[in-house]
Amino acid sequence: MTEKPLVEIRDLKRTFDVSKPWLNRVIEGAPKQFLKAVDGITFDIRRGETFALVGESGSGKSTVARMVVGLLPASGGEVIIDGVPIADTSRAAEVRRLRRRIQMIFQDPYASLNPRWRVERIIAEPIRALRLAESEREVADRVGELLSLVGLHPADGRKYPHEFSGGQRQRIAIARALASKAEFIVCDEPTSALDVSVQAQILNLMRDLQDRFGLTYLFISHNLAVVRHMASRIGVMYLGRIVEIADGKTLFARPRHPYTRMLLNAVPDIAMTGRMREAVKGEIPNPINPPSGCTFHPRCPFVFDRCRREAPPLEEGVACHAVREGRPVAA
């Protein structure tokens, strides 16, 4: 019997009202405008794995991250974690207990840490709030243990966030996420603001912690090299929809969707195989007024009439009419 996924995302949607103020609309005769940031995506995350969402800026990845942890309400669909829908008001007690098992690591570690608090207080906050220690002595010991766990010294707890480098601040953010004994961590571009050498240290730390504590990650990134190092399965997002899902090795070896291939072709050829590489062509269209049919069709070299009329469903891991009809789409 297959184990039930820890996280289940079902037809998740998020629409933002981006209309001008009412008086401006009346004077100008302008209609209301809505932006579909996430347009009905579905995926699962198994216990102990890293599932990555990749795509260009503006594809909706960070919006998904915030809905999964409950920072943004969904306009439609469900987020189910360990069998509990997090928006189910009839199971409020279960949802509260569940939330301590969910944490988030943000892109900018400095913005996510209170600059007026010492590091020891930042890390101790979830321990005190969730009553995970019986005395202040135990809280202090736990904070020191967490700092050591992420490669810092317990004495660093007396410092303020501005006294650390970017990589060290991200280590503090990871320690804070672990303080509540979290099992599921959403990582929203956790290394994009860091130098390349520091990125590698943070990624290796995250993998070591995952192996040690059996953590489950939802990893958001636009950096395919980072995703290749971290993820066991990958979902490729474009303009609010998932266009391809596959395990990491398959996606990098045999990408099926033209957009996935376009992203991979833009990655520098470090192995110097001599293969021709092309930059990503065009830009993501305006999400307020997206193209008809397949939203990727204005940039796709394999577009045909059906692509302009019908939005392809995600079937067998890919949302592409050309692939489904067996048309030649090889790069």
C-alpha atoms as a PDB file:
ATOM      1  CA  MET A   1       0.000   0.000   0.000  1.00  0.00           C
ATOM      2  CA  THR A   2       1.368   3.401  -1.002  1.00  0.00           C
ATOM      3  CA  GLU A   3       1.909   5.817   1.878  1.00  0.00           C
ATOM      4  CA  LYS A   4      -0.421   8.819   1.843  1.00  0.00           C
ATOM      5  CA  PRO A   5       1.369  12.091   0.929  1.00  0.00           C
ATOM      6  CA  LEU A   6       2.085  14.506   3.765  1.00  0.00           C
ATOM      7  CA  VAL A   7       0.968  17.486   1.646  1.00  0.00           C
ATOM      8  CA  GLU A   8      -1.848  17.434  -0.906  1.00  0.00           C
ATOM      9  CA  ILE A   9      -2.567  20.474  -3.083  1.00  0.00           C
ATOM     10  CA  ARG A  10      -5.881  20.212  -4.893  1.00  0.00           C
ATOM     11  CA  ASP A  11      -6.930  22.633  -7.671  1.00  0.00           C
ATOM     12  CA  LEU A  12      -5.392  25.553  -5.763  1.00  0.00           C
ATOM     13  CA  LYS A  13      -6.281  29.043  -6.996  1.00  0.00           C
ATOM     14  CA  ARG A  14      -5.531  32.611  -5.984  1.00  0.00           C
ATOM     15  CA  THR A  15      -7.017  35.686  -7.648  1.00  0.00           C
ATOM     16  CA  PHE A  16      -6.119  39.272  -6.718  1.00  0.00           C
ATOM     17  CA  ASP A  17      -8.382  42.249  -7.314  1.00  0.00           C
ATOM     18  CA  VAL A  18      -6.083  44.809  -8.959  1.00  0.00           C
ATOM     19  CA  SER A  19      -8.830  47.217  -9.999  1.00  0.00           C
ATOM     20  CA  LYS A  20      -8.458  50.974  -9.742  1.00  0.00           C
ATOM     21  CA  PRO A  21     -10.338  52.675  -6.857  1.00  0.00           C
ATOM     22  CA  TRP A  22     -14.124  52.846  -7.294  1.00  0.00           C
ATOM     23  CA  LEU A  23     -14.226  56.586  -8.050  1.00  0.00           C
ATOM     24  CA  ASN A  24     -11.535  56.271 -10.733  1.00  0.00           C
ATOM     25  CA  ARG A  25     -13.477  53.449 -12.376  1.00  0.00           C
ATOM     26  CA  VAL A  26     -16.669  55.523 -12.384  1.00  0.00           C
ATOM     27  CA  ILE A  27     -14.956  58.584 -13.904  1.00  0.00           C
ATOM     28  CA  GLU A  28     -12.963  56.619 -16.482  1.00  0.00           C
ATOM     29  CA  GLY A  29     -15.633  53.998 -17.160  1.00  0.00           C
ATOM     30  CA  ALA A  30     -13.052  51.294 -16.489  1.00  0.00           C
ATOM     31  CA  PRO A  31     -14.064  47.735 -15.508  1.00  0.00           C
ATOM     32  CA  LYS A  32     -12.750  45.816 -12.523  1.00  0.00           C
ATOM     33  CA  GLN A  33      -9.543  43.892 -13.155  1.00  0.00           C
ATOM     34  CA  PHE A  34      -8.428  40.600 -11.664  1.00  0.00           C
ATOM     35  CA  LEU A  35      -5.066  38.856 -11.698  1.00  0.00           C
ATOM     36  CA  LYS A  36      -4.974  35.051 -11.570  1.00  0.00           C
ATOM     37  CA  ALA A  37      -1.693  34.458  -9.750  1.00  0.00           C
ATOM     38  CA  VAL A  38      -2.373  30.734  -9.308  1.00  0.00           C
ATOM     39  CA  ASP A  39      -4.826  29.031 -11.627  1.00  0.00           C
ATOM     40  CA  GLY A  40      -5.798  25.570 -10.427  1.00  0.00           C
ATOM     41  CA  ILE A  41      -2.639  23.625  -9.609  1.00  0.00           C
ATOM     42  CA  THR A  42      -2.511  20.127  -8.129  1.00  0.00           C
ATOM     43  CA  PHE A  43       0.442  18.197  -6.696  1.00  0.00           C
ATOM     44  CA  ASP A  44       1.490  16.038  -3.718  1.00  0.00           C
ATOM     45  CA  ILE A  45       4.565  16.003  -1.503  1.00  0.00           C
ATOM     46  CA  ARG A  46       5.586  12.744   0.117  1.00  0.00           C
ATOM     47  CA  ARG A  47       7.052  12.567   3.616  1.00  0.00           C
ATOM     48  CA  GLY A  48      10.785  13.215   3.722  1.00  0.00           C
ATOM     49  CA  GLU A  49      11.109  14.417   0.129  1.00  0.00           C
ATOM     50  CA  THR A  50      11.917  17.756  -1.443  1.00  0.00           C
ATOM     51  CA  PHE A  51       9.408  18.923  -4.027  1.00  0.00           C
ATOM     52  CA  ALA A  52      10.536  21.978  -5.997  1.00  0.00           C
ATOM     53  CA  LEU A  53       8.518  24.550  -7.907  1.00  0.00           C
ATOM     54  CA  VAL A  54      10.529  26.330 -10.597  1.00  0.00           C
ATOM     55  CA  GLY A  55       9.771  28.969 -13.175  1.00  0.00           C
ATOM     56  CA  GLU A  56      10.499  32.555 -14.128  1.00  0.00           C
ATOM     57  CA  SER A  57       9.652  35.456 -11.839  1.00  0.00           C
ATOM     58  CA  GLY A  58       5.918  36.133 -12.018  1.00  0.00           C
ATOM     59  CA  SER A  59       4.898  32.509 -12.512  1.00  0.00           C
ATOM     60  CA  GLY A  60       3.146  32.294  -9.114  1.00  0.00           C
ATOM     61  CA  LYS A  61       5.626  30.203  -7.112  1.00  0.00           C
ATOM     62  CA  SER A  62       5.829  32.456  -4.048  1.00  0.00           C
ATOM     63  CA  THR A  63       2.043  32.864  -3.984  1.00  0.00           C
ATOM     64  CA  VAL A  64       1.742  29.083  -3.766  1.00  0.00           C
ATOM     65  CA  ALA A  65       4.263  29.039  -0.908  1.00  0.00           C
ATOM     66  CA  ARG A  66       2.293  31.592   1.096  1.00  0.00           C
ATOM     67  CA  MET A  67      -1.000  29.759   0.565  1.00  0.00           C
ATOM     68  CA  VAL A  68       0.506  26.441   1.636  1.00  0.00           C
ATOM     69  CA  VAL A  69       1.609  27.860   5.009  1.00  0.00           C
ATOM     70  CA  GLY A  70      -1.601  29.857   5.472  1.00  0.00           C
ATOM     71  CA  LEU A  71      -0.179  33.367   5.034  1.00  0.00           C
ATOM     72  CA  LEU A  72      -2.555  33.893   2.098  1.00  0.00           C
ATOM     73  CA  PRO A  73      -6.081  32.486   1.846  1.00  0.00           C
ATOM     74  CA  ALA A  74      -6.823  30.502  -1.291  1.00  0.00           C
ATOM     75  CA  SER A  75      -9.488  31.736  -3.693  1.00  0.00           C
ATOM     76  CA  GLY A  76     -10.303  28.134  -4.526  1.00  0.00           C
ATOM     77  CA  GLY A  77      -9.097  24.579  -4.021  1.00  0.00           C
ATOM     78  CA  GLU A  78      -7.568  22.994  -0.921  1.00  0.00           C
ATOM     79  CA  VAL A  79      -4.303  22.627   0.947  1.00  0.00           C
ATOM     80  CA  ILE A  80      -4.386  19.364   2.919  1.00  0.00           C
ATOM     81  CA  ILE A  81      -1.538  18.586   5.302  1.00  0.00           C
ATOM     82  CA  ASP A  82      -1.422  15.201   7.016  1.00  0.00           C
ATOM     83  CA  GLY A  83      -5.075  14.696   6.139  1.00  0.00           C
ATOM     84  CA  VAL A  84      -6.252  18.035   7.578  1.00  0.00           C
ATOM     85  CA  PRO A  85      -7.515  20.841   5.260  1.00  0.00           C
ATOM     86  CA  ILE A  86      -5.831  23.929   6.725  1.00  0.00           C
ATOM     87  CA  ALA A  87      -8.813  26.163   5.834  1.00  0.00           C
ATOM     88  CA  ASP A  88     -11.394  23.888   7.512  1.00  0.00           C
ATOM     89  CA  THR A  89     -12.912  26.011  10.300  1.00  0.00           C
ATOM     90  CA  SER A  90     -14.769  23.011  11.710  1.00  0.00           C
ATOM     91  CA  ARG A  91     -11.403  21.413  12.603  1.00  0.00           C
ATOM     92  CA  ALA A  92      -9.809  24.515  14.139  1.00  0.00           C
ATOM     93  CA  ALA A  93      -8.170  22.626  17.023  1.00  0.00           C
ATOM     94  CA  GLU A  94      -6.501  20.156  14.638  1.00  0.00           C
ATOM     95  CA  VAL A  95      -5.348  22.996  12.380  1.00  0.00           C
ATOM     96  CA  ARG A  96      -3.762  24.810  15.362  1.00  0.00           C
ATOM     97  CA  ARG A  97      -1.854  21.693  16.354  1.00  0.00           C
ATOM     98  CA  LEU A  98      -0.827  21.193  12.754  1.00  0.00           C
ATOM     99  CA  ARG A  99       0.567  24.710  12.330  1.00  0.00           C
ATOM    100  CA  ARG A 100       3.409  24.116  14.786  1.00  0.00           C
ATOM    101  CA  ARG A 101       4.655  21.420  12.404  1.00  0.00           C
ATOM    102  CA  ILE A 102       4.820  23.882   9.475  1.00  0.00           C
ATOM    103  CA  GLN A 103       7.438  26.605   9.075  1.00  0.00           C
ATOM    104  CA  MET A 104       8.725  28.864   6.325  1.00  0.00           C
ATOM    105  CA  ILE A 105      12.188  30.112   5.360  1.00  0.00           C
ATOM    106  CA  PHE A 106      12.040  33.386   3.437  1.00  0.00           C
ATOM    107  CA  GLN A 107      14.150  34.774   0.605  1.00  0.00           C
ATOM    108  CA  ASP A 108      15.552  37.723   2.556  1.00  0.00           C
ATOM    109  CA  PRO A 109      16.833  36.497   5.929  1.00  0.00           C
ATOM    110  CA  TYR A 110      17.376  40.020   7.277  1.00  0.00           C
ATOM    111  CA  ALA A 111      13.799  41.117   6.546  1.00  0.00           C
ATOM    112  CA  SER A 112      12.422  37.992   8.220  1.00  0.00           C
ATOM    113  CA  LEU A 113      14.313  38.553  11.503  1.00  0.00           C
ATOM    114  CA  ASN A 114      13.292  41.188  14.038  1.00  0.00           C
ATOM    115  CA  PRO A 115      16.251  43.651  14.043  1.00  0.00           C
ATOM    116  CA  ARG A 116      15.475  44.786  17.606  1.00  0.00           C
ATOM    117  CA  TRP A 117      15.685  41.306  19.127  1.00  0.00           C
ATOM    118  CA  ARG A 118      18.784  39.387  20.000  1.00  0.00           C
ATOM    119  CA  VAL A 119      19.157  36.107  18.135  1.00  0.00           C
ATOM    120  CA  GLU A 120      18.511  34.074  21.287  1.00  0.00           C
ATOM    121  CA  ARG A 121      15.093  35.724  21.659  1.00  0.00           C
ATOM    122  CA  ILE A 122      14.254  35.205  17.979  1.00  0.00           C
ATOM    123  CA  ILE A 123      14.939  31.479  18.180  1.00  0.00           C
ATOM    124  CA  ALA A 124      13.356  31.102  21.621  1.00  0.00           C
ATOM    125  CA  GLU A 125      10.060  32.721  20.592  1.00  0.00           C
ATOM    126  CA  PRO A 126       8.429  29.574  19.101  1.00  0.00           C
ATOM    127  CA  ILE A 127       9.781  27.462  21.968  1.00  0.00           C
ATOM    128  CA  ARG A 128       8.054  29.712  24.508  1.00  0.00           C
ATOM    129  CA  ALA A 129       4.900  30.214  22.439  1.00  0.00           C
ATOM    130  CA  LEU A 130       4.390  26.476  21.987  1.00  0.00           C
ATOM    131  CA  ARG A 131       5.559  25.660  25.530  1.00  0.00           C
ATOM    132  CA  LEU A 132       8.186  23.212  24.316  1.00  0.00           C
ATOM    133  CA  ALA A 133      10.374  23.776  27.399  1.00  0.00           C
ATOM    134  CA  GLU A 134       9.477  23.853  31.079  1.00  0.00           C
ATOM    135  CA  SER A 135      12.014  26.419  32.283  1.00  0.00           C
ATOM    136  CA  GLU A 136      14.119  29.297  30.997  1.00  0.00           C
ATOM    137  CA  ARG A 137      17.185  27.150  31.516  1.00  0.00           C
ATOM    138  CA  GLU A 138      15.787  24.556  29.131  1.00  0.00           C
ATOM    139  CA  VAL A 139      14.890  27.289  26.629  1.00  0.00           C
ATOM    140  CA  ALA A 140      18.462  28.642  26.724  1.00  0.00           C
ATOM    141  CA  ASP A 141      19.921  25.152  26.332  1.00  0.00           C
ATOM    142  CA  ARG A 142      17.643  24.463  23.356  1.00  0.00           C
ATOM    143  CA  VAL A 143      18.609  27.760  21.686  1.00  0.00           C
ATOM    144  CA  GLY A 144      22.302  26.941  22.102  1.00  0.00           C
ATOM    145  CA  GLU A 145      21.714  23.459  20.693  1.00  0.00           C
ATOM    146  CA  LEU A 146      19.912  24.858  17.642  1.00  0.00           C
ATOM    147  CA  LEU A 147      22.639  27.430  16.959  1.00  0.00           C
ATOM    148  CA  SER A 148      25.267  24.684  17.091  1.00  0.00           C
ATOM    149  CA  LEU A 149      23.102  22.529  14.815  1.00  0.00           C
ATOM    150  CA  VAL A 150      23.162  25.158  12.051  1.00  0.00           C
ATOM    151  CA  GLY A 151      26.897  25.831  12.344  1.00  0.00           C
ATOM    152  CA  LEU A 152      26.927  28.830  14.703  1.00  0.00           C
ATOM    153  CA  HIS A 153      28.249  29.185  18.251  1.00  0.00           C
ATOM    154  CA  PRO A 154      25.822  29.297  21.217  1.00  0.00           C
ATOM    155  CA  ALA A 155      27.409  32.616  22.234  1.00  0.00           C
ATOM    156  CA  ASP A 156      26.116  34.118  18.964  1.00  0.00           C
ATOM    157  CA  GLY A 157      22.694  34.205  20.576  1.00  0.00           C
ATOM    158  CA  ARG A 158      23.681  37.443  22.347  1.00  0.00           C
ATOM    159  CA  LYS A 159      24.136  39.287  19.051  1.00  0.00           C
ATOM    160  CA  TYR A 160      21.631  41.125  16.853  1.00  0.00           C
ATOM    161  CA  PRO A 161      20.820  40.117  13.239  1.00  0.00           C
ATOM    162  CA  HIS A 162      22.761  43.053  11.731  1.00  0.00           C
ATOM    163  CA  GLU A 163      25.976  41.653  13.221  1.00  0.00           C
ATOM    164  CA  PHE A 164      25.864  38.617  10.933  1.00  0.00           C
ATOM    165  CA  SER A 165      26.515  38.004   7.240  1.00  0.00           C
ATOM    166  CA  GLY A 166      23.706  36.999   4.875  1.00  0.00           C
ATOM    167  CA  GLY A 167      24.573  33.313   5.075  1.00  0.00           C
ATOM    168  CA  GLN A 168      24.731  33.414   8.869  1.00  0.00           C
ATOM    169  CA  ARG A 169      21.360  35.150   9.023  1.00  0.00           C
ATOM    170  CA  GLN A 170      19.852  32.401   6.893  1.00  0.00           C
ATOM    171  CA  ARG A 171      21.299  29.853   9.327  1.00  0.00           C
ATOM    172  CA  ILE A 172      19.505  31.733  12.120  1.00  0.00           C
ATOM    173  CA  ALA A 173      16.263  31.582  10.114  1.00  0.00           C
ATOM    174  CA  ILE A 174      16.715  27.823   9.722  1.00  0.00           C
ATOM    175  CA  ALA A 175      17.340  27.446  13.470  1.00  0.00           C
ATOM    176  CA  ARG A 176      14.137  29.377  14.178  1.00  0.00           C
ATOM    177  CA  ALA A 177      12.197  27.093  11.805  1.00  0.00           C
ATOM    178  CA  LEU A 178      13.534  24.030  13.641  1.00  0.00           C
ATOM    179  CA  ALA A 179      12.758  25.506  17.064  1.00  0.00           C
ATOM    180  CA  SER A 180       9.092  24.481  16.831  1.00  0.00           C
ATOM    181  CA  LYS A 181      10.097  20.923  15.872  1.00  0.00           C
ATOM    182  CA  ALA A 182       8.698  21.483  12.400  1.00  0.00           C
ATOM    183  CA  GLU A 183       8.258  18.557  10.026  1.00  0.00           C
ATOM    184  CA  PHE A 184       7.291  20.452   6.868  1.00  0.00           C
ATOM    185  CA  ILE A 185       9.271  23.533   5.792  1.00  0.00           C
ATOM    186  CA  VAL A 186       8.420  25.794   2.871  1.00  0.00           C
ATOM    187  CA  CYS A 187      11.597  27.373   1.463  1.00  0.00           C
ATOM    188  CA  ASP A 188      10.892  30.446  -0.675  1.00  0.00           C
ATOM    189  CA  GLU A 189      14.073  31.191  -2.666  1.00  0.00           C
ATOM    190  CA  PRO A 190      16.172  30.630   0.502  1.00  0.00           C
ATOM    191  CA  THR A 191      19.552  31.109  -1.213  1.00  0.00           C
ATOM    192  CA  SER A 192      18.860  33.588  -4.023  1.00  0.00           C
ATOM    193  CA  ALA A 193      20.150  36.563  -1.994  1.00  0.00           C
ATOM    194  CA  LEU A 194      23.421  34.816  -1.107  1.00  0.00           C
ATOM    195  CA  ASP A 195      26.816  34.465  -2.770  1.00  0.00           C
ATOM    196  CA  VAL A 196      27.337  31.246  -4.751  1.00  0.00           C
ATOM    197  CA  SER A 197      29.803  29.731  -2.257  1.00  0.00           C
ATOM    198  CA  VAL A 198      27.476  30.528   0.646  1.00  0.00           C
ATOM    199  CA  GLN A 199      24.521  29.086  -1.285  1.00  0.00           C
ATOM    200  CA  ALA A 200      26.277  25.725  -1.428  1.00  0.00           C
ATOM    201  CA  GLN A 201      26.887  25.757   2.342  1.00  0.00           C
ATOM    202  CA  ILE A 202      23.245  26.544   3.117  1.00  0.00           C
ATOM    203  CA  LEU A 203      21.929  23.925   0.682  1.00  0.00           C
ATOM    204  CA  ASN A 204      24.219  21.253   2.121  1.00  0.00           C
ATOM    205  CA  LEU A 205      23.100  22.220   5.629  1.00  0.00           C
ATOM    206  CA  MET A 206      19.448  21.882   4.609  1.00  0.00           C
ATOM    207  CA  ARG A 207      20.058  18.440   3.122  1.00  0.00           C
ATOM    208  CA  ASP A 208      21.927  17.285   6.220  1.00  0.00           C
ATOM    209  CA  LEU A 209      19.071  18.487   8.451  1.00  0.00           C
ATOM    210  CA  GLN A 210      16.551  16.760   6.207  1.00  0.00           C
ATOM    211  CA  ASP A 211      18.407  13.452   6.527  1.00  0.00           C
ATOM    212  CA  ARG A 212      18.791  13.867  10.286  1.00  0.00           C
ATOM    213  CA  PHE A 213      15.206  14.863  11.143  1.00  0.00           C
ATOM    214  CA  GLY A 214      13.212  13.442   8.225  1.00  0.00           C
ATOM    215  CA  LEU A 215      12.091  16.911   7.099  1.00  0.00           C
ATOM    216  CA  THR A 216       9.799  17.510   4.132  1.00  0.00           C
ATOM    217  CA  TYR A 217      10.531  20.541   1.934  1.00  0.00           C
ATOM    218  CA  LEU A 218       8.564  22.564  -0.578  1.00  0.00           C
ATOM    219  CA  PHE A 219      11.429  24.350  -2.329  1.00  0.00           C
ATOM    220  CA  ILE A 220      10.689  27.442  -4.408  1.00  0.00           C
ATOM    221  CA  SER A 221      13.398  28.584  -6.823  1.00  0.00           C
ATOM    222  CA  HIS A 222      14.128  29.975 -10.273  1.00  0.00           C
ATOM    223  CA  ASN A 223      17.673  28.539 -10.174  1.00  0.00           C
ATOM    224  CA  LEU A 224      17.704  25.159 -11.918  1.00  0.00           C
ATOM    225  CA  ALA A 225      21.209  24.333 -10.687  1.00  0.00           C
ATOM    226  CA  VAL A 226      20.010  24.694  -7.085  1.00  0.00           C
ATOM    227  CA  VAL A 227      16.886  22.656  -7.786  1.00  0.00           C
ATOM    228  CA  ARG A 228      18.939  19.878  -9.366  1.00  0.00           C
ATOM    229  CA  HIS A 229      20.979  19.619  -6.165  1.00  0.00           C
ATOM    230  CA  MET A 230      17.993  19.677  -3.799  1.00  0.00           C
ATOM    231  CA  ALA A 231      14.828  18.239  -5.312  1.00  0.00           C
ATOM    232  CA  SER A 232      13.639  14.681  -5.741  1.00  0.00           C
ATOM    233  CA  ARG A 233      10.621  15.851  -7.772  1.00  0.00           C
ATOM    234  CA  ILE A 234      10.053  19.076  -9.672  1.00  0.00           C
ATOM    235  CA  GLY A 235       7.009  21.003 -10.851  1.00  0.00           C
ATOM    236  CA  VAL A 236       7.533  23.626 -13.571  1.00  0.00           C
ATOM    237  CA  MET A 237       5.193  26.636 -13.300  1.00  0.00           C
ATOM    238  CA  TYR A 238       4.238  29.085 -16.011  1.00  0.00           C
ATOM    239  CA  LEU A 239       1.761  31.936 -15.516  1.00  0.00           C
ATOM    240  CA  GLY A 240       0.014  30.353 -12.547  1.00  0.00           C
ATOM    241  CA  ARG A 241      -0.181  26.781 -13.854  1.00  0.00           C
ATOM    242  CA  ILE A 242       2.005  23.697 -13.623  1.00  0.00           C
ATOM    243  CA  VAL A 243       3.077  22.689 -17.128  1.00  0.00           C
ATOM    244  CA  GLU A 244       5.246  19.685 -16.210  1.00  0.00           C
ATOM    245  CA  ILE A 245       5.894  17.454 -13.183  1.00  0.00           C
ATOM    246  CA  ALA A 246       8.602  14.794 -13.067  1.00  0.00           C
ATOM    247  CA  ASP A 247      11.273  13.371 -10.820  1.00  0.00           C
ATOM    248  CA  GLY A 248      14.490  15.365 -10.896  1.00  0.00           C
ATOM    249  CA  LYS A 249      16.611  12.978 -12.972  1.00  0.00           C
ATOM    250  CA  THR A 250      13.920  12.505 -15.611  1.00  0.00           C
ATOM    251  CA  LEU A 251      13.190  16.213 -15.927  1.00  0.00           C
ATOM    252  CA  PHE A 252      16.832  17.149 -16.507  1.00  0.00           C
ATOM    253  CA  ALA A 253      17.547  14.194 -18.797  1.00  0.00           C
ATOM    254  CA  ARG A 254      14.318  14.172 -20.836  1.00  0.00           C
ATOM    255  CA  PRO A 255      12.301  17.410 -20.461  1.00  0.00           C
ATOM    256  CA  ARG A 256       9.000  17.158 -22.313  1.00  0.00           C
ATOM    257  CA  HIS A 257       7.352  20.586 -22.238  1.00  0.00           C
ATOM    258  CA  PRO A 258       8.835  23.238 -24.579  1.00  0.00           C
ATOM    259  CA  TYR A 259       8.998  25.721 -21.690  1.00  0.00           C
ATOM    260  CA  THR A 260      10.985  23.278 -19.536  1.00  0.00           C
ATOM    261  CA  ARG A 261      13.404  22.739 -22.406  1.00  0.00           C
ATOM    262  CA  MET A 262      13.699  26.487 -22.878  1.00  0.00           C
ATOM    263  CA  LEU A 263      14.655  26.940 -19.209  1.00  0.00           C
ATOM    264  CA  LEU A 264      17.190  24.104 -19.324  1.00  0.00           C
ATOM    265  CA  ASN A 265      18.767  25.399 -22.544  1.00  0.00           C
ATOM    266  CA  ALA A 266      19.474  28.695 -20.788  1.00  0.00           C
ATOM    267  CA  VAL A 267      21.572  26.999 -18.075  1.00  0.00           C
ATOM    268  CA  PRO A 268      25.343  27.469 -18.676  1.00  0.00           C
ATOM    269  CA  ASP A 269      27.086  24.354 -20.028  1.00  0.00           C
ATOM    270  CA  ILE A 270      29.538  23.858 -17.162  1.00  0.00           C
ATOM    271  CA  ALA A 271      30.499  20.384 -18.428  1.00  0.00           C
ATOM    272  CA  MET A 272      31.511  21.998 -21.753  1.00  0.00           C
ATOM    273  CA  THR A 273      29.807  19.355 -23.864  1.00  0.00           C
ATOM    274  CA  GLY A 274      29.709  21.704 -26.840  1.00  0.00           C
ATOM    275  CA  ARG A 275      25.926  21.574 -27.024  1.00  0.00           C
ATOM    276  CA  MET A 276      24.355  24.774 -28.346  1.00  0.00           C
ATOM    277  CA  ARG A 277      22.468  26.753 -25.690  1.00  0.00           C
ATOM    278  CA  GLU A 278      19.803  29.372 -26.206  1.00  0.00           C
ATOM    279  CA  ALA A 279      18.587  32.091 -23.868  1.00  0.00           C
ATOM    280  CA  VAL A 280      14.981  32.070 -22.717  1.00  0.00           C
ATOM    281  CA  LYS A 281      13.021  33.899 -25.412  1.00  0.00           C
ATOM    282  CA  GLY A 282      10.311  36.469 -24.782  1.00  0.00           C
ATOM    283  CA  GLU A 283       8.703  37.393 -21.487  1.00  0.00           C
ATOM    284  CA  ILE A 284       5.837  36.153 -19.347  1.00  0.00           C
ATOM    285  CA  PRO A 285       2.647  37.816 -20.671  1.00  0.00           C
ATOM    286  CA  ASN A 286       0.564  40.206 -18.589  1.00  0.00           C
ATOM    287  CA  PRO A 287      -1.293  37.949 -16.106  1.00  0.00           C
ATOM    288  CA  ILE A 288      -4.202  40.426 -15.995  1.00  0.00           C
ATOM    289  CA  ASN A 289      -4.841  39.757 -19.692  1.00  0.00           C
ATOM    290  CA  PRO A 290      -3.252  36.358 -20.425  1.00  0.00           C
ATOM    291  CA  PRO A 291      -3.182  34.779 -23.896  1.00  0.00           C
ATOM    292  CA  SER A 292      -6.037  32.501 -24.896  1.00  0.00           C
ATOM    293  CA  GLY A 293      -5.641  28.738 -24.876  1.00  0.00           C
ATOM    294  CA  CYS A 294      -2.179  27.628 -23.791  1.00  0.00           C
ATOM    295  CA  THR A 295      -0.663  30.713 -22.176  1.00  0.00           C
ATOM    296  CA  PHE A 296       2.799  29.686 -23.415  1.00  0.00           C
ATOM    297  CA  HIS A 297       1.802  29.678 -27.092  1.00  0.00           C
ATOM    298  CA  PRO A 298       3.146  33.196 -27.946  1.00  0.00           C
ATOM    299  CA  ARG A 299       6.670  31.998 -27.023  1.00  0.00           C
ATOM    300  CA  CYS A 300       6.436  28.387 -28.159  1.00  0.00           C
ATOM    301  CA  PRO A 301       8.285  27.322 -31.339  1.00  0.00           C
ATOM    302  CA  PHE A 302       5.911  24.352 -31.782  1.00  0.00           C
ATOM    303  CA  VAL A 303       2.610  26.223 -31.563  1.00  0.00           C
ATOM    304  CA  PHE A 304      -0.340  25.171 -33.771  1.00  0.00           C
ATOM    305  CA  ASP A 305      -4.001  26.208 -33.970  1.00  0.00           C
ATOM    306  CA  ARG A 306      -5.272  24.100 -31.071  1.00  0.00           C
ATOM    307  CA  CYS A 307      -2.752  25.728 -28.712  1.00  0.00           C
ATOM    308  CA  ARG A 308      -4.341  29.134 -29.356  1.00  0.00           C
ATOM    309  CA  ARG A 309      -7.876  27.841 -28.678  1.00  0.00           C
ATOM    310  CA  GLU A 310      -7.636  25.338 -25.807  1.00  0.00           C
ATOM    311  CA  ALA A 311      -5.741  25.320 -22.521  1.00  0.00           C
ATOM    312  CA  PRO A 312      -4.043  21.911 -22.253  1.00  0.00           C
ATOM    313  CA  PRO A 313      -4.772  19.898 -19.077  1.00  0.00           C
ATOM    314  CA  LEU A 314      -1.935  18.424 -17.032  1.00  0.00           C
ATOM    315  CA  GLU A 315      -2.022  14.763 -18.046  1.00  0.00           C
ATOM    316  CA  GLU A 316       0.679  12.164 -17.460  1.00  0.00           C
ATOM    317  CA  GLY A 317       2.930  14.855 -16.059  1.00  0.00           C
ATOM    318  CA  VAL A 318       2.796  17.375 -18.913  1.00  0.00           C
ATOM    319  CA  ALA A 319       0.396  20.067 -20.132  1.00  0.00           C
ATOM    320  CA  CYS A 320       1.143  20.389 -23.859  1.00  0.00           C
ATOM    321  CA  HIS A 321      -1.052  19.635 -26.879  1.00  0.00           C
ATOM    322  CA  ALA A 322       1.961  18.960 -29.104  1.00  0.00           C
ATOM    323  CA  VAL A 323       3.379  16.374 -26.685  1.00  0.00           C
ATOM    324  CA  ARG A 324      -0.021  14.728 -26.186  1.00  0.00           C
ATOM    325  CA  GLU A 325      -0.577  14.435 -29.948  1.00  0.00           C
ATOM    326  CA  GLY A 326       2.900  13.021 -30.527  1.00  0.00           C
ATOM    327  CA  ARG A 327       4.083  15.946 -32.616  1.00  0.00           C
ATOM    328  CA  PRO A 328       7.867  16.403 -32.938  1.00  0.00           C
ATOM    329  CA  VAL A 329       8.963  18.842 -30.237  1.00  0.00           C
ATOM    330  CA  ALA A 330      12.589  17.792 -29.793  1.00  0.00           C
ATOM    331  CA  ALA A 331      15.036  20.635 -29.173  1.00  0.00           C
END
